[in-house]
Amino acid sequence: MALASMTGFGHAEGGDPGLRFQWELRSVNGRGLDMRLRLAPGFEHLEQGVRAAITGALKRGNVQASLAVKREQSAGELRLNEEAFEQVLAVAEAVRKRVGANPISVEGLLSLRGVLEFADPEADEAQVAARDGAVMAALQEALAQLARARGEEGARLVEVLAAQIDRIAELADAARALSQASPEGLRRRLVEGLKALLALDPPVGEERLAQELALQLVKADVREELDRLDAHCAAARDLLRADEPVGRRFEFLVQELQREANTLCSKSSELELTRLGLELKAVIDQVREQVQNLE
């Protein structure tokens, strides 16, 4: 199982000469698995099965599932929904009196959704079960198409993320080489700190002086941050090779990458090292944007 995106589209349709149905599935980013269903009238009883099917196919994402049904006139009798008609008529009359509009036409009333409806001819249990089975089979087909789309987008995401992780590792190596080859910034920071301590009145004791110098050394040393960046890059590559959804884990790893880059910038005493730290932060932010779409 390859990593998948949370963005995709699936479509399937079926039916017979008297009734045609069509599924449309769309999914986008989400913290968990959130489903919004729009089932055609008369098919509401399928909701539990639809939710179970989606849950079995997907782990994360905001999913919209729509079932549209088209009935041929010969497939049923056109009837007036008395209750809906009375409600619409009452509302229309109230609005007309309030704004002084002309009376609504009969054609306008009848064109409103729900006023006219087709009543299916009586069907036995076997026919209903067969129809529902065909609808659910089409849902599985749409889910498979959606999963393929998410997988294809996921493959593209993996390529982009792999390149970005490689760039983070390159910047970390450059920062390490710079910190080892240019001790001047560290020396200058230590000298300035020492001068400030010696200028205090009363003078600082030897023990306090040693503590402050040790603190300055720790603050100026970025090796620990760079080592952790290397470890996080290795962990990120492992996640890209995983055979299960890793989006949430990757989000936490990006937070750790951001923390190390921020610390590197705050410790930097060299302009070039600061520049590398800022580029690191920019690349990590790009990783964060891509990871938000990873299942």
Protein backbone atom coordinates (compact mmCIF):
# COMPACT_ATOMS: atom_id res chain seq x y z
CA MET A 1 0.00 0.00 0.00
CA ALA A 2 1.56 3.30 -1.13
CA LEU A 3 0.98 6.62 0.59
CA ALA A 4 -2.13 8.44 -0.58
CA SER A 5 -3.33 12.00 -0.81
CA MET A 6 -6.63 13.10 0.70
CA THR A 7 -7.69 14.80 -2.55
CA GLY A 8 -9.56 12.89 -5.22
CA PHE A 9 -12.75 12.26 -7.18
CA GLY A 10 -14.75 9.13 -7.92
CA HIS A 11 -17.76 8.51 -10.17
CA ALA A 12 -19.97 5.54 -11.03
CA GLU A 13 -23.43 5.02 -12.42
CA GLY A 14 -25.88 2.25 -13.22
CA GLY A 15 -29.54 1.28 -13.23
CA ASP A 16 -32.13 0.01 -15.69
CA PRO A 17 -34.45 1.65 -18.27
CA GLY A 18 -36.86 2.77 -15.55
CA LEU A 19 -34.35 4.14 -13.04
CA ARG A 20 -30.81 5.46 -13.43
CA PHE A 21 -28.51 6.39 -10.57
CA GLN A 22 -25.15 8.12 -10.29
CA TRP A 23 -22.58 8.39 -7.49
CA GLU A 24 -20.15 11.28 -7.18
CA LEU A 25 -17.47 11.21 -4.47
CA ARG A 26 -15.11 14.05 -3.65
CA SER A 27 -12.52 14.23 -0.89
CA VAL A 28 -10.24 16.98 0.37
CA ASN A 29 -7.99 17.55 3.40
CA GLY A 30 -9.31 16.76 6.86
CA ARG A 31 -7.96 16.06 10.32
CA GLY A 32 -10.00 12.87 10.52
CA LEU A 33 -12.60 11.13 8.37
CA ASP A 34 -15.61 13.41 7.96
CA MET A 35 -18.49 12.34 5.70
CA ARG A 36 -21.25 14.45 4.20
CA LEU A 37 -23.91 12.46 2.37
CA ARG A 38 -26.60 13.56 -0.06
CA LEU A 39 -28.81 10.60 -0.88
CA ALA A 40 -31.70 10.81 -3.31
CA PRO A 41 -35.20 10.65 -1.79
CA GLY A 42 -36.19 7.05 -1.19
CA PHE A 43 -32.61 5.91 -0.61
CA GLU A 44 -32.04 7.35 2.87
CA HIS A 45 -32.13 3.85 4.35
CA LEU A 46 -28.75 3.17 2.71
CA GLU A 47 -26.94 5.80 4.81
CA GLN A 48 -25.51 3.40 7.39
CA GLY A 49 -24.18 1.08 4.70
CA VAL A 50 -22.71 4.00 2.76
CA ARG A 51 -20.89 5.28 5.83
CA ALA A 52 -19.53 1.81 6.56
CA ALA A 53 -18.27 1.43 2.99
CA ILE A 54 -16.47 4.78 3.06
CA THR A 55 -14.96 4.04 6.47
CA GLY A 56 -13.64 0.74 5.16
CA ALA A 57 -11.99 2.38 2.15
CA LEU A 58 -10.57 5.64 3.57
CA LYS A 59 -8.82 6.71 6.75
CA ARG A 60 -8.77 10.51 6.57
CA GLY A 61 -10.31 13.36 4.61
CA ASN A 62 -13.49 15.38 4.23
CA VAL A 63 -15.60 13.22 1.93
CA GLN A 64 -18.72 14.32 0.08
CA ALA A 65 -20.84 11.50 -1.33
CA SER A 66 -23.81 12.29 -3.57
CA LEU A 67 -26.33 9.81 -4.97
CA ALA A 68 -28.52 11.19 -7.76
CA VAL A 69 -31.43 9.17 -9.11
CA LYS A 70 -33.36 9.81 -12.31
CA ARG A 71 -36.69 8.06 -12.83
CA GLU A 72 -38.36 7.76 -16.19
CA GLN A 73 -42.02 8.85 -16.27
CA SER A 74 -43.04 5.35 -17.19
CA ALA A 75 -41.37 4.09 -14.06
CA GLY A 76 -43.87 5.68 -11.73
CA GLU A 77 -46.87 7.92 -11.26
CA LEU A 78 -46.49 11.70 -11.01
CA ARG A 79 -48.16 12.87 -7.81
CA LEU A 80 -48.67 16.13 -5.94
CA ASN A 81 -47.06 16.21 -2.51
CA GLU A 82 -49.98 17.80 -0.69
CA GLU A 83 -48.07 18.69 2.46
CA ALA A 84 -45.17 20.30 0.59
CA PHE A 85 -47.59 22.14 -1.71
CA GLU A 86 -49.56 23.65 1.19
CA GLN A 87 -46.38 24.80 2.91
CA VAL A 88 -45.00 26.42 -0.23
CA LEU A 89 -48.36 28.06 -0.98
CA ALA A 90 -48.57 29.54 2.52
CA VAL A 91 -45.04 30.91 2.39
CA ALA A 92 -45.55 32.34 -1.11
CA GLU A 93 -48.77 34.08 -0.08
CA ALA A 94 -47.15 35.57 3.04
CA VAL A 95 -44.24 36.92 1.00
CA ARG A 96 -46.60 38.28 -1.66
CA LYS A 97 -48.60 40.24 0.93
CA ARG A 98 -45.45 41.56 2.56
CA VAL A 99 -43.78 42.91 -0.57
CA GLY A 100 -46.85 43.50 -2.72
CA ALA A 101 -45.77 41.18 -5.51
CA ASN A 102 -47.95 39.54 -8.09
CA PRO A 103 -49.42 36.14 -7.21
CA ILE A 104 -47.09 33.26 -7.95
CA SER A 105 -48.05 31.21 -10.99
CA VAL A 106 -49.15 27.60 -10.85
CA GLU A 107 -46.19 26.69 -13.03
CA GLY A 108 -43.87 28.38 -10.57
CA LEU A 109 -45.34 26.51 -7.62
CA LEU A 110 -45.18 23.15 -9.34
CA SER A 111 -41.56 23.72 -10.42
CA LEU A 112 -40.34 23.93 -6.83
CA ARG A 113 -38.46 20.90 -5.64
CA GLY A 114 -40.55 18.42 -3.68
CA VAL A 115 -43.95 19.69 -4.79
CA LEU A 116 -44.23 17.13 -7.58
CA GLU A 117 -42.75 13.67 -7.14
CA PHE A 118 -42.83 10.32 -8.79
CA ALA A 119 -44.28 7.49 -6.79
CA ASP A 120 -42.58 4.22 -7.56
CA PRO A 121 -44.81 1.35 -8.54
CA GLU A 122 -45.12 -1.27 -5.86
CA ALA A 123 -42.03 -3.46 -5.78
CA ASP A 124 -41.50 -6.64 -3.83
CA GLU A 125 -38.64 -7.15 -1.37
CA ALA A 126 -36.52 -8.99 -3.91
CA GLN A 127 -36.72 -6.12 -6.38
CA VAL A 128 -35.86 -3.54 -3.71
CA ALA A 129 -32.93 -5.65 -2.50
CA ALA A 130 -31.63 -6.04 -6.05
CA ARG A 131 -31.90 -2.30 -6.67
CA ASP A 132 -30.13 -1.47 -3.39
CA GLY A 133 -27.44 -4.03 -4.17
CA ALA A 134 -26.78 -2.42 -7.55
CA VAL A 135 -26.57 1.03 -5.94
CA MET A 136 -24.08 -0.19 -3.31
CA ALA A 137 -22.01 -2.01 -5.95
CA ALA A 138 -21.75 1.24 -7.88
CA LEU A 139 -20.64 2.96 -4.66
CA GLN A 140 -17.78 0.47 -4.34
CA GLU A 141 -16.79 1.22 -7.93
CA ALA A 142 -16.78 4.97 -7.20
CA LEU A 143 -14.74 4.38 -4.02
CA ALA A 144 -12.19 2.35 -5.97
CA GLN A 145 -11.89 5.18 -8.49
CA LEU A 146 -11.52 7.70 -5.66
CA ALA A 147 -8.83 5.56 -4.01
CA ARG A 148 -6.90 5.34 -7.30
CA ALA A 149 -7.04 9.11 -7.71
CA ARG A 150 -5.84 9.63 -4.15
CA GLY A 151 -3.05 7.11 -4.69
CA GLU A 152 -1.85 8.80 -7.89
CA GLU A 153 -1.82 12.17 -6.16
CA GLY A 154 -0.05 10.57 -3.19
CA ALA A 155 2.72 9.29 -5.46
CA ARG A 156 3.29 12.82 -6.73
CA LEU A 157 3.32 14.10 -3.15
CA VAL A 158 5.97 11.54 -2.16
CA GLU A 159 8.24 12.71 -4.98
CA VAL A 160 7.88 16.34 -3.94
CA LEU A 161 8.41 15.58 -0.25
CA ALA A 162 11.45 13.39 -0.94
CA ALA A 163 13.10 16.25 -2.84
CA GLN A 164 12.29 18.70 -0.05
CA ILE A 165 13.70 16.39 2.63
CA ASP A 166 16.88 16.00 0.58
CA ARG A 167 17.14 19.79 0.43
CA ILE A 168 16.78 20.05 4.22
CA ALA A 169 19.60 17.51 4.63
CA GLU A 170 21.79 19.47 2.19
CA LEU A 171 21.22 22.71 4.10
CA ALA A 172 22.01 20.99 7.39
CA ASP A 173 25.29 19.68 5.93
CA ALA A 174 26.16 23.15 4.67
CA ALA A 175 25.44 24.64 8.10
CA ARG A 176 27.62 22.01 9.76
CA ALA A 177 30.53 22.71 7.42
CA LEU A 178 30.15 26.44 7.96
CA SER A 179 30.09 26.16 11.75
CA GLN A 180 33.20 23.97 11.72
CA ALA A 181 35.13 26.10 9.23
CA SER A 182 34.32 29.53 10.65
CA PRO A 183 35.11 29.74 14.37
CA GLU A 184 35.46 33.53 14.18
CA GLY A 185 31.85 34.17 15.12
CA LEU A 186 32.09 31.90 18.14
CA ARG A 187 35.36 33.53 19.23
CA ARG A 188 33.89 37.02 18.88
CA ARG A 189 30.80 36.09 20.91
CA LEU A 190 32.93 34.60 23.69
CA VAL A 191 35.26 37.62 23.80
CA GLU A 192 32.32 40.03 23.99
CA GLY A 193 30.68 37.99 26.73
CA LEU A 194 33.93 37.83 28.68
CA LYS A 195 34.47 41.59 28.42
CA ALA A 196 30.97 42.23 29.70
CA LEU A 197 31.51 39.96 32.68
CA LEU A 198 34.90 41.46 33.57
CA ALA A 199 33.48 44.98 33.43
CA LEU A 200 30.94 44.26 36.15
CA ASP A 201 31.36 45.92 39.54
CA PRO A 202 31.94 44.07 41.79
CA PRO A 203 33.93 41.69 39.57
CA VAL A 204 32.52 38.26 38.83
CA GLY A 205 33.98 35.35 40.75
CA GLU A 206 35.88 32.59 38.98
CA GLU A 207 33.07 30.05 39.46
CA ARG A 208 30.44 32.40 38.02
CA LEU A 209 32.80 33.31 35.19
CA ALA A 210 33.28 29.65 34.29
CA GLN A 211 29.51 29.09 34.34
CA GLU A 212 28.83 32.03 32.05
CA LEU A 213 31.55 31.00 29.59
CA ALA A 214 30.16 27.46 29.51
CA LEU A 215 26.69 28.87 28.86
CA GLN A 216 28.02 30.98 25.99
CA LEU A 217 29.67 27.92 24.48
CA VAL A 218 26.42 25.94 24.67
CA LYS A 219 24.46 28.76 23.10
CA ALA A 220 26.93 29.08 20.23
CA ASP A 221 27.18 25.35 19.50
CA VAL A 222 24.67 24.24 16.82
CA ARG A 223 25.93 20.68 16.43
CA GLU A 224 23.09 19.22 18.50
CA GLU A 225 20.43 20.95 16.37
CA LEU A 226 22.10 19.79 13.17
CA ASP A 227 22.33 16.21 14.44
CA ARG A 228 18.63 16.25 15.27
CA LEU A 229 17.82 17.64 11.82
CA ASP A 230 19.68 14.69 10.31
CA ALA A 231 17.73 12.27 12.50
CA HIS A 232 14.42 13.91 11.56
CA CYS A 233 15.30 13.67 7.86
CA ALA A 234 15.99 9.96 8.27
CA ALA A 235 12.65 9.55 10.07
CA ALA A 236 10.88 11.44 7.27
CA ARG A 237 12.35 9.11 4.64
CA ASP A 238 11.14 6.12 6.65
CA LEU A 239 7.63 7.60 6.70
CA LEU A 240 7.71 8.10 2.92
CA ARG A 241 8.42 4.37 2.55
CA ALA A 242 5.64 3.33 4.96
CA ASP A 243 2.77 1.09 3.84
CA GLU A 244 0.14 2.77 6.03
CA PRO A 245 -1.30 6.30 6.42
CA VAL A 246 1.33 8.52 8.08
CA GLY A 247 -0.05 12.02 7.56
CA ARG A 248 -0.60 12.83 11.23
CA ARG A 249 2.82 11.45 12.24
CA PHE A 250 4.44 13.49 9.48
CA GLU A 251 2.73 16.63 10.78
CA PHE A 252 4.30 16.08 14.23
CA LEU A 253 7.70 15.47 12.62
CA VAL A 254 7.44 18.76 10.71
CA GLN A 255 6.87 20.54 14.04
CA GLU A 256 10.16 19.07 15.29
CA LEU A 257 11.95 20.18 12.13
CA GLN A 258 10.61 23.70 12.59
CA ARG A 259 11.78 23.74 16.22
CA GLU A 260 15.36 22.83 15.28
CA ALA A 261 15.47 25.40 12.48
CA ASN A 262 14.20 28.12 14.82
CA THR A 263 16.84 27.24 17.42
CA LEU A 264 19.56 27.23 14.77
CA CYS A 265 18.61 30.77 13.71
CA SER A 266 18.48 32.02 17.30
CA LYS A 267 21.97 30.63 18.03
CA SER A 268 23.57 31.87 14.83
CA SER A 269 26.27 34.54 15.12
CA GLU A 270 27.25 34.43 11.43
CA LEU A 271 25.30 36.04 8.60
CA GLU A 272 25.77 33.04 6.29
CA LEU A 273 24.60 30.62 8.97
CA THR A 274 21.53 32.78 9.55
CA ARG A 275 20.83 32.72 5.81
CA LEU A 276 21.00 28.93 5.79
CA GLY A 277 18.70 28.77 8.80
CA LEU A 278 16.13 31.00 7.10
CA GLU A 279 16.22 28.86 3.95
CA LEU A 280 15.76 25.80 6.14
CA LYS A 281 12.65 27.35 7.65
CA ALA A 282 11.30 28.16 4.19
CA VAL A 283 11.78 24.58 2.92
CA ILE A 284 10.28 23.11 6.09
CA ASP A 285 7.24 25.33 5.64
CA GLN A 286 6.86 23.94 2.12
CA VAL A 287 6.99 20.43 3.59
CA ARG A 288 4.28 21.39 6.06
CA GLU A 289 2.00 22.55 3.23
CA GLN A 290 2.45 19.29 1.33
CA VAL A 291 2.05 17.06 4.39
CA GLN A 292 -1.35 18.61 5.15
CA ASN A 293 -2.68 16.76 2.09
CA LEU A 294 -1.16 13.39 3.02
CA GLU A 295 -3.55 10.73 4.35
